[in-house]
C-alpha cells in the first residue's frame, strides 16, 4: 500500500486523507485562494476557447498532419494550458501560499514551458501512422499506469513545492503515457483532448486508489486492443474516405 506524502493531503475529521486541492485550499488565505483559482480557471477556459477555435479541420485521426512548426506550437501551447492548468491548481495554491500571488505567474509559466518542450518532441516524432501503431502506443500507455515510475512521478507531483519547471517534469513523468495516447490517436482531436484532460486532472487532484486506477489502466489496454483488432469501429480514429 502506498503512503501519500504528508504535504500532499491533510487528515479529515475521520483520519482519512482529503484530495490535494482541498488540502491546498485549507492552507491558503481566502484572498490568495480566490485570486489564484480565478486566474488559473480563467486562463484555462480562454485556452480551451482558443483550442476549440483553432483545431476544427485539423483532426484527421491517425493521419493527422501537424503542419508548420510555428503553427503547431502555437496551438499546442494553448492545448497544454487548457488541459494541464486545472490539475495544477493545488501546486499553484501551494506556490501562492509560500510566495504570494505574484509568484504564481512565474511558476505557471515555467510549468507550461515543460509542456511546450514536450510539444517540440511531439512535432519531431509524430507522423501519420496506422492503427497498429496507435493501438500499440495505447496498450503501452495502459501498461505504464501500473509501473513504479508512474507511481513515483504521481507522488512527486502531488507533493511538489519547488519550481514550476520541476513540477512540470514530475507532471510530464506522470502523464507521459496519456499524452502519448493523444499523439497516437489524434494530436488535434478535441474529443481525445477532452478525455485525456479529465484523466490527467483526476490523477492530479485525487489520491491514488487501486480500485480506480487498476480498472482504468485495464480499460486503456482494452482500448488499445480494440484499435488493433477493429480500428474502423473506433470513432474518429481513421479518417473517412
C-alpha atoms as a PDB file:
ATOM      1  CA  UNK A   1       0.000   0.000   0.000  1.00  0.00           C
ATOM      2  CA  UNK A   2       1.364   3.417  -0.959  1.00  0.00           C
ATOM      3  CA  UNK A   3       1.713   6.129   1.653  1.00  0.00           C
ATOM      4  CA  UNK A   4       0.810   9.608   0.465  1.00  0.00           C
ATOM      5  CA  UNK A   5       3.291  12.416   1.247  1.00  0.00           C
ATOM      6  CA  UNK A   6       2.147  14.438   4.227  1.00  0.00           C
ATOM      7  CA  UNK A   7       2.251  17.714   2.350  1.00  0.00           C
ATOM      8  CA  UNK A   8       0.020  16.338  -0.400  1.00  0.00           C
ATOM      9  CA  UNK A   9      -3.015  15.692   1.817  1.00  0.00           C
ATOM     10  CA  UNK A  10      -4.322  16.704   5.188  1.00  0.00           C
ATOM     11  CA  UNK A  11      -6.286  14.411   7.504  1.00  0.00           C
ATOM     12  CA  UNK A  12     -10.005  14.982   7.829  1.00  0.00           C
ATOM     13  CA  UNK A  13     -12.088  14.506  10.944  1.00  0.00           C
ATOM     14  CA  UNK A  14     -12.195  10.748  10.444  1.00  0.00           C
ATOM     15  CA  UNK A  15      -8.464  10.477   9.878  1.00  0.00           C
ATOM     16  CA  UNK A  16      -8.713   9.744   6.151  1.00  0.00           C
ATOM     17  CA  UNK A  17      -6.824  11.756   3.535  1.00  0.00           C
ATOM     18  CA  UNK A  18      -8.532  14.523   1.588  1.00  0.00           C
ATOM     19  CA  UNK A  19      -7.747  15.425  -2.053  1.00  0.00           C
ATOM     20  CA  UNK A  20      -4.767  17.648  -2.755  1.00  0.00           C
ATOM     21  CA  UNK A  21      -6.867  20.616  -3.848  1.00  0.00           C
ATOM     22  CA  UNK A  22      -8.848  20.603  -0.590  1.00  0.00           C
ATOM     23  CA  UNK A  23      -5.627  20.466   1.409  1.00  0.00           C
ATOM     24  CA  UNK A  24      -4.166  23.385  -0.531  1.00  0.00           C
ATOM     25  CA  UNK A  25      -7.357  25.397  -0.034  1.00  0.00           C
ATOM     26  CA  UNK A  26      -7.152  24.898   3.722  1.00  0.00           C
ATOM     27  CA  UNK A  27      -3.605  26.233   3.856  1.00  0.00           C
ATOM     28  CA  UNK A  28      -4.164  29.383   1.757  1.00  0.00           C
ATOM     29  CA  UNK A  29      -5.890  32.601   2.792  1.00  0.00           C
ATOM     30  CA  UNK A  30      -9.255  33.381   1.135  1.00  0.00           C
ATOM     31  CA  UNK A  31      -7.839  36.255  -0.923  1.00  0.00           C
ATOM     32  CA  UNK A  32      -4.895  34.209  -2.188  1.00  0.00           C
ATOM     33  CA  UNK A  33      -7.155  31.250  -2.907  1.00  0.00           C
ATOM     34  CA  UNK A  34      -9.686  33.337  -4.833  1.00  0.00           C
ATOM     35  CA  UNK A  35      -7.063  35.179  -6.873  1.00  0.00           C
ATOM     36  CA  UNK A  36      -5.093  32.063  -7.757  1.00  0.00           C
ATOM     37  CA  UNK A  37      -8.046  29.864  -8.638  1.00  0.00           C
ATOM     38  CA  UNK A  38      -9.802  32.597 -10.595  1.00  0.00           C
ATOM     39  CA  UNK A  39      -6.707  33.376 -12.652  1.00  0.00           C
ATOM     40  CA  UNK A  40      -5.989  29.684 -13.267  1.00  0.00           C
ATOM     41  CA  UNK A  41      -9.506  28.791 -14.375  1.00  0.00           C
ATOM     42  CA  UNK A  42      -9.974  31.923 -16.495  1.00  0.00           C
ATOM     43  CA  UNK A  43      -6.715  31.269 -18.344  1.00  0.00           C
ATOM     44  CA  UNK A  44      -7.548  27.580 -18.816  1.00  0.00           C
ATOM     45  CA  UNK A  45     -11.022  28.455 -20.077  1.00  0.00           C
ATOM     46  CA  UNK A  46      -9.658  31.023 -22.514  1.00  0.00           C
ATOM     47  CA  UNK A  47      -7.183  28.465 -23.849  1.00  0.00           C
ATOM     48  CA  UNK A  48      -9.979  25.933 -24.326  1.00  0.00           C
ATOM     49  CA  UNK A  49     -11.807  28.505 -26.433  1.00  0.00           C
ATOM     50  CA  UNK A  50      -8.663  29.160 -28.474  1.00  0.00           C
ATOM     51  CA  UNK A  51      -8.001  25.430 -28.950  1.00  0.00           C
ATOM     52  CA  UNK A  52     -11.574  24.660 -30.000  1.00  0.00           C
ATOM     53  CA  UNK A  53     -11.492  27.614 -32.397  1.00  0.00           C
ATOM     54  CA  UNK A  54      -8.152  26.619 -33.938  1.00  0.00           C
ATOM     55  CA  UNK A  55      -8.496  22.830 -34.160  1.00  0.00           C
ATOM     56  CA  UNK A  56     -11.557  22.114 -36.368  1.00  0.00           C
ATOM     57  CA  UNK A  57     -10.436  20.699 -39.699  1.00  0.00           C
ATOM     58  CA  UNK A  58      -7.014  19.754 -38.310  1.00  0.00           C
ATOM     59  CA  UNK A  59      -8.096  16.405 -36.839  1.00  0.00           C
ATOM     60  CA  UNK A  60      -7.538  13.503 -39.215  1.00  0.00           C
ATOM     61  CA  UNK A  61      -7.109  10.818 -36.567  1.00  0.00           C
ATOM     62  CA  UNK A  62      -4.023   8.711 -37.120  1.00  0.00           C
ATOM     63  CA  UNK A  63      -3.431  10.533 -40.437  1.00  0.00           C
ATOM     64  CA  UNK A  64      -3.177  13.975 -38.828  1.00  0.00           C
ATOM     65  CA  UNK A  65      -0.608  16.298 -40.399  1.00  0.00           C
ATOM     66  CA  UNK A  66       0.913  18.755 -37.913  1.00  0.00           C
ATOM     67  CA  UNK A  67       1.673  21.485 -40.446  1.00  0.00           C
ATOM     68  CA  UNK A  68       4.305  24.145 -39.854  1.00  0.00           C
ATOM     69  CA  UNK A  69       6.285  24.116 -36.620  1.00  0.00           C
ATOM     70  CA  UNK A  70       5.225  27.630 -35.620  1.00  0.00           C
ATOM     71  CA  UNK A  71       1.544  26.976 -36.207  1.00  0.00           C
ATOM     72  CA  UNK A  72       1.658  23.671 -34.366  1.00  0.00           C
ATOM     73  CA  UNK A  73       3.487  25.048 -31.312  1.00  0.00           C
ATOM     74  CA  UNK A  74       1.037  27.930 -31.014  1.00  0.00           C
ATOM     75  CA  UNK A  75      -1.933  25.544 -30.970  1.00  0.00           C
ATOM     76  CA  UNK A  76      -0.089  23.056 -28.750  1.00  0.00           C
ATOM     77  CA  UNK A  77       0.722  25.735 -26.144  1.00  0.00           C
ATOM     78  CA  UNK A  78      -2.959  26.665 -25.925  1.00  0.00           C
ATOM     79  CA  UNK A  79      -3.897  22.989 -25.680  1.00  0.00           C
ATOM     80  CA  UNK A  80      -1.472  22.347 -22.829  1.00  0.00           C
ATOM     81  CA  UNK A  81      -2.604  25.391 -20.863  1.00  0.00           C
ATOM     82  CA  UNK A  82      -6.220  24.277 -21.301  1.00  0.00           C
ATOM     83  CA  UNK A  83      -5.512  20.676 -20.336  1.00  0.00           C
ATOM     84  CA  UNK A  84      -2.916  20.995 -17.593  1.00  0.00           C
ATOM     85  CA  UNK A  85      -3.650  24.178 -15.634  1.00  0.00           C
ATOM     86  CA  UNK A  86      -6.826  22.925 -13.877  1.00  0.00           C
ATOM     87  CA  UNK A  87      -4.984  19.904 -12.496  1.00  0.00           C
ATOM     88  CA  UNK A  88      -2.081  22.118 -11.419  1.00  0.00           C
ATOM     89  CA  UNK A  89      -4.334  24.183  -9.127  1.00  0.00           C
ATOM     90  CA  UNK A  90      -3.055  22.564  -5.874  1.00  0.00           C
ATOM     91  CA  UNK A  91       0.569  23.264  -6.822  1.00  0.00           C
ATOM     92  CA  UNK A  92      -0.280  26.834  -7.822  1.00  0.00           C
ATOM     93  CA  UNK A  93      -2.028  27.360  -4.486  1.00  0.00           C
ATOM     94  CA  UNK A  94       0.958  25.967  -2.604  1.00  0.00           C
ATOM     95  CA  UNK A  95       3.230  28.348  -4.513  1.00  0.00           C
ATOM     96  CA  UNK A  96       0.908  31.292  -3.810  1.00  0.00           C
ATOM     97  CA  UNK A  97       0.823  30.367  -0.136  1.00  0.00           C
ATOM     98  CA  UNK A  98       4.624  30.276   0.018  1.00  0.00           C
ATOM     99  CA  UNK A  99       5.472  33.297  -2.156  1.00  0.00           C
ATOM    100  CA  UNK A 100       2.274  35.274  -2.641  1.00  0.00           C
ATOM    101  CA  UNK A 101       0.067  35.642  -5.691  1.00  0.00           C
ATOM    102  CA  UNK A 102       2.852  37.441  -7.580  1.00  0.00           C
ATOM    103  CA  UNK A 103       4.904  34.231  -7.532  1.00  0.00           C
ATOM    104  CA  UNK A 104       2.211  32.290  -9.376  1.00  0.00           C
ATOM    105  CA  UNK A 105       2.735  33.597 -12.965  1.00  0.00           C
ATOM    106  CA  UNK A 106       6.416  32.610 -12.982  1.00  0.00           C
ATOM    107  CA  UNK A 107       5.575  29.192 -11.531  1.00  0.00           C
ATOM    108  CA  UNK A 108       2.792  28.653 -14.078  1.00  0.00           C
ATOM    109  CA  UNK A 109       4.927  29.919 -16.955  1.00  0.00           C
ATOM    110  CA  UNK A 110       7.854  27.624 -16.171  1.00  0.00           C
ATOM    111  CA  UNK A 111       5.427  24.748 -15.666  1.00  0.00           C
ATOM    112  CA  UNK A 112       3.872  25.298 -19.091  1.00  0.00           C
ATOM    113  CA  UNK A 113       7.354  25.674 -20.610  1.00  0.00           C
ATOM    114  CA  UNK A 114       7.895  21.980 -19.906  1.00  0.00           C
ATOM    115  CA  UNK A 115       4.805  21.153 -21.943  1.00  0.00           C
ATOM    116  CA  UNK A 116       5.910  23.417 -24.787  1.00  0.00           C
ATOM    117  CA  UNK A 117       9.182  21.473 -24.860  1.00  0.00           C
ATOM    118  CA  UNK A 118       7.139  18.286 -24.936  1.00  0.00           C
ATOM    119  CA  UNK A 119       5.407  19.721 -27.998  1.00  0.00           C
ATOM    120  CA  UNK A 120       8.778  20.053 -29.708  1.00  0.00           C
ATOM    121  CA  UNK A 121       9.308  16.322 -29.150  1.00  0.00           C
ATOM    122  CA  UNK A 122       5.818  15.503 -30.434  1.00  0.00           C
ATOM    123  CA  UNK A 123       6.429  17.552 -33.569  1.00  0.00           C
ATOM    124  CA  UNK A 124       9.726  15.772 -34.158  1.00  0.00           C
ATOM    125  CA  UNK A 125       8.368  12.218 -33.861  1.00  0.00           C
ATOM    126  CA  UNK A 126       4.657  12.328 -34.726  1.00  0.00           C
ATOM    127  CA  UNK A 127       3.875  11.407 -38.313  1.00  0.00           C
ATOM    128  CA  UNK A 128       0.774   9.947 -39.990  1.00  0.00           C
ATOM    129  CA  UNK A 129       0.638   6.310 -38.926  1.00  0.00           C
ATOM    130  CA  UNK A 130      -1.588   3.254 -38.942  1.00  0.00           C
ATOM    131  CA  UNK A 131      -3.993   1.752 -36.450  1.00  0.00           C
ATOM    132  CA  UNK A 132      -1.440  -0.854 -35.377  1.00  0.00           C
ATOM    133  CA  UNK A 133       0.939   1.850 -34.168  1.00  0.00           C
ATOM    134  CA  UNK A 134      -1.889   3.742 -32.458  1.00  0.00           C
ATOM    135  CA  UNK A 135      -3.110   0.595 -30.710  1.00  0.00           C
ATOM    136  CA  UNK A 136       0.383  -0.400 -29.631  1.00  0.00           C
ATOM    137  CA  UNK A 137       1.051   3.028 -28.106  1.00  0.00           C
ATOM    138  CA  UNK A 138      -2.314   2.921 -26.318  1.00  0.00           C
ATOM    139  CA  UNK A 139      -1.593  -0.523 -24.855  1.00  0.00           C
ATOM    140  CA  UNK A 140       1.828   0.717 -23.718  1.00  0.00           C
ATOM    141  CA  UNK A 141       0.148   3.727 -22.083  1.00  0.00           C
ATOM    142  CA  UNK A 142      -2.123   1.410 -20.120  1.00  0.00           C
ATOM    143  CA  UNK A 143       0.797  -0.762 -19.024  1.00  0.00           C
ATOM    144  CA  UNK A 144       2.699   2.365 -17.934  1.00  0.00           C
ATOM    145  CA  UNK A 145      -0.088   3.126 -15.444  1.00  0.00           C
ATOM    146  CA  UNK A 146       0.970   0.050 -13.468  1.00  0.00           C
ATOM    147  CA  UNK A 147       4.689   0.863 -13.320  1.00  0.00           C
ATOM    148  CA  UNK A 148       6.605   2.147 -10.269  1.00  0.00           C
ATOM    149  CA  UNK A 149       7.884   5.029 -12.432  1.00  0.00           C
ATOM    150  CA  UNK A 150       4.335   6.277 -12.979  1.00  0.00           C
ATOM    151  CA  UNK A 151       3.526   5.983  -9.262  1.00  0.00           C
ATOM    152  CA  UNK A 152       6.768   7.738  -8.317  1.00  0.00           C
ATOM    153  CA  UNK A 153       6.136  10.774 -10.512  1.00  0.00           C
ATOM    154  CA  UNK A 154       2.499  10.939  -9.458  1.00  0.00           C
ATOM    155  CA  UNK A 155       3.545  11.102  -5.801  1.00  0.00           C
ATOM    156  CA  UNK A 156       6.178  13.753  -6.521  1.00  0.00           C
ATOM    157  CA  UNK A 157       3.709  15.876  -8.468  1.00  0.00           C
ATOM    158  CA  UNK A 158       1.179  15.822  -5.635  1.00  0.00           C
ATOM    159  CA  UNK A 159       3.814  16.866  -3.075  1.00  0.00           C
ATOM    160  CA  UNK A 160       5.934  19.222  -5.189  1.00  0.00           C
ATOM    161  CA  UNK A 161       6.689  22.612  -3.652  1.00  0.00           C
ATOM    162  CA  UNK A 162       9.718  23.535  -5.771  1.00  0.00           C
ATOM    163  CA  UNK A 163       9.914  25.399  -9.056  1.00  0.00           C
ATOM    164  CA  UNK A 164       7.299  25.275 -11.766  1.00  0.00           C
ATOM    165  CA  UNK A 165       9.800  23.625 -14.084  1.00  0.00           C
ATOM    166  CA  UNK A 166      10.435  20.827 -11.575  1.00  0.00           C
ATOM    167  CA  UNK A 167       6.711  20.379 -11.051  1.00  0.00           C
ATOM    168  CA  UNK A 168       6.266  20.260 -14.813  1.00  0.00           C
ATOM    169  CA  UNK A 169       8.840  17.470 -15.109  1.00  0.00           C
ATOM    170  CA  UNK A 170       7.005  15.486 -12.418  1.00  0.00           C
ATOM    171  CA  UNK A 171       3.714  16.079 -14.198  1.00  0.00           C
ATOM    172  CA  UNK A 172       5.193  15.048 -17.535  1.00  0.00           C
ATOM    173  CA  UNK A 173       6.618  11.879 -15.997  1.00  0.00           C
ATOM    174  CA  UNK A 174       3.217  11.024 -14.556  1.00  0.00           C
ATOM    175  CA  UNK A 175       1.168  11.711 -17.694  1.00  0.00           C
ATOM    176  CA  UNK A 176       3.596  10.723 -20.447  1.00  0.00           C
ATOM    177  CA  UNK A 177       1.532   7.637 -21.250  1.00  0.00           C
ATOM    178  CA  UNK A 178      -1.695   9.621 -21.573  1.00  0.00           C
ATOM    179  CA  UNK A 179      -0.008  12.248 -23.737  1.00  0.00           C
ATOM    180  CA  UNK A 180       1.482   9.541 -25.964  1.00  0.00           C
ATOM    181  CA  UNK A 181      -2.086   8.276 -26.385  1.00  0.00           C
ATOM    182  CA  UNK A 182      -3.200  11.726 -27.501  1.00  0.00           C
ATOM    183  CA  UNK A 183      -0.439  11.877 -30.108  1.00  0.00           C
ATOM    184  CA  UNK A 184      -1.165   8.346 -31.325  1.00  0.00           C
ATOM    185  CA  UNK A 185      -4.959   8.661 -31.515  1.00  0.00           C
ATOM    186  CA  UNK A 186      -5.126  12.173 -32.944  1.00  0.00           C
ATOM    187  CA  UNK A 187      -2.986  15.063 -31.745  1.00  0.00           C
ATOM    188  CA  UNK A 188      -5.537  17.611 -32.923  1.00  0.00           C
ATOM    189  CA  UNK A 189      -8.631  15.743 -31.741  1.00  0.00           C
ATOM    190  CA  UNK A 190     -10.831  17.778 -29.407  1.00  0.00           C
ATOM    191  CA  UNK A 191     -12.556  14.578 -28.254  1.00  0.00           C
ATOM    192  CA  UNK A 192      -9.359  12.817 -27.205  1.00  0.00           C
ATOM    193  CA  UNK A 193      -8.026  16.076 -25.784  1.00  0.00           C
ATOM    194  CA  UNK A 194     -11.083  16.340 -23.522  1.00  0.00           C
ATOM    195  CA  UNK A 195     -10.843  12.716 -22.392  1.00  0.00           C
ATOM    196  CA  UNK A 196      -7.124  12.960 -21.600  1.00  0.00           C
ATOM    197  CA  UNK A 197      -7.779  16.206 -19.709  1.00  0.00           C
ATOM    198  CA  UNK A 198     -10.326  14.520 -17.452  1.00  0.00           C
ATOM    199  CA  UNK A 199      -7.989  11.613 -16.707  1.00  0.00           C
ATOM    200  CA  UNK A 200      -4.912  13.790 -16.120  1.00  0.00           C
ATOM    201  CA  UNK A 201      -6.761  16.220 -13.855  1.00  0.00           C
ATOM    202  CA  UNK A 202      -8.344  13.422 -11.838  1.00  0.00           C
ATOM    203  CA  UNK A 203      -4.945  11.850 -11.232  1.00  0.00           C
ATOM    204  CA  UNK A 204      -3.510  15.172 -10.067  1.00  0.00           C
ATOM    205  CA  UNK A 205      -6.410  16.134  -7.807  1.00  0.00           C
ATOM    206  CA  UNK A 206      -7.329  12.768  -6.295  1.00  0.00           C
ATOM    207  CA  UNK A 207      -5.152  10.405  -4.252  1.00  0.00           C
ATOM    208  CA  UNK A 208      -4.135   7.083  -5.845  1.00  0.00           C
ATOM    209  CA  UNK A 209      -6.691   4.327  -5.281  1.00  0.00           C
ATOM    210  CA  UNK A 210      -6.074   0.874  -6.705  1.00  0.00           C
ATOM    211  CA  UNK A 211      -9.803   0.171  -7.059  1.00  0.00           C
ATOM    212  CA  UNK A 212      -9.996   3.080  -9.539  1.00  0.00           C
ATOM    213  CA  UNK A 213      -6.530   3.201 -11.060  1.00  0.00           C
ATOM    214  CA  UNK A 214      -6.222  -0.502 -11.933  1.00  0.00           C
ATOM    215  CA  UNK A 215      -9.549  -0.766 -13.838  1.00  0.00           C
ATOM    216  CA  UNK A 216      -8.695   2.473 -15.662  1.00  0.00           C
ATOM    217  CA  UNK A 217      -5.346   1.068 -16.777  1.00  0.00           C
ATOM    218  CA  UNK A 218      -7.024  -2.152 -17.902  1.00  0.00           C
ATOM    219  CA  UNK A 219      -9.598  -0.096 -19.838  1.00  0.00           C
ATOM    220  CA  UNK A 220      -6.801   1.774 -21.634  1.00  0.00           C
ATOM    221  CA  UNK A 221      -5.151  -1.527 -22.549  1.00  0.00           C
ATOM    222  CA  UNK A 222      -8.527  -2.787 -23.771  1.00  0.00           C
ATOM    223  CA  UNK A 223      -8.939   0.322 -25.911  1.00  0.00           C
ATOM    224  CA  UNK A 224      -5.544  -0.341 -27.476  1.00  0.00           C
ATOM    225  CA  UNK A 225      -6.524  -3.927 -28.245  1.00  0.00           C
ATOM    226  CA  UNK A 226      -9.814  -2.745 -29.770  1.00  0.00           C
ATOM    227  CA  UNK A 227      -7.922  -0.318 -32.004  1.00  0.00           C
ATOM    228  CA  UNK A 228      -5.627  -3.075 -33.258  1.00  0.00           C
ATOM    229  CA  UNK A 229      -8.447  -5.567 -33.842  1.00  0.00           C
ATOM    230  CA  UNK A 230     -11.153  -3.312 -35.290  1.00  0.00           C
ATOM    231  CA  UNK A 231      -9.809   0.171 -35.987  1.00  0.00           C
ATOM    232  CA  UNK A 232     -12.652   1.143 -38.315  1.00  0.00           C
ATOM    233  CA  UNK A 233     -15.127   0.795 -35.425  1.00  0.00           C
ATOM    234  CA  UNK A 234     -13.322   3.368 -33.255  1.00  0.00           C
ATOM    235  CA  UNK A 235     -14.951   6.773 -33.884  1.00  0.00           C
ATOM    236  CA  UNK A 236     -12.618   9.377 -35.347  1.00  0.00           C
ATOM    237  CA  UNK A 237      -9.574   7.131 -35.455  1.00  0.00           C
ATOM    238  CA  UNK A 238      -9.438   6.525 -39.201  1.00  0.00           C
ATOM    239  CA  UNK A 239     -10.379   9.428 -41.496  1.00  0.00           C
ATOM    240  CA  UNK A 240     -13.382   8.791 -43.711  1.00  0.00           C
ATOM    241  CA  UNK A 241     -12.565   8.418 -47.363  1.00  0.00           C
END
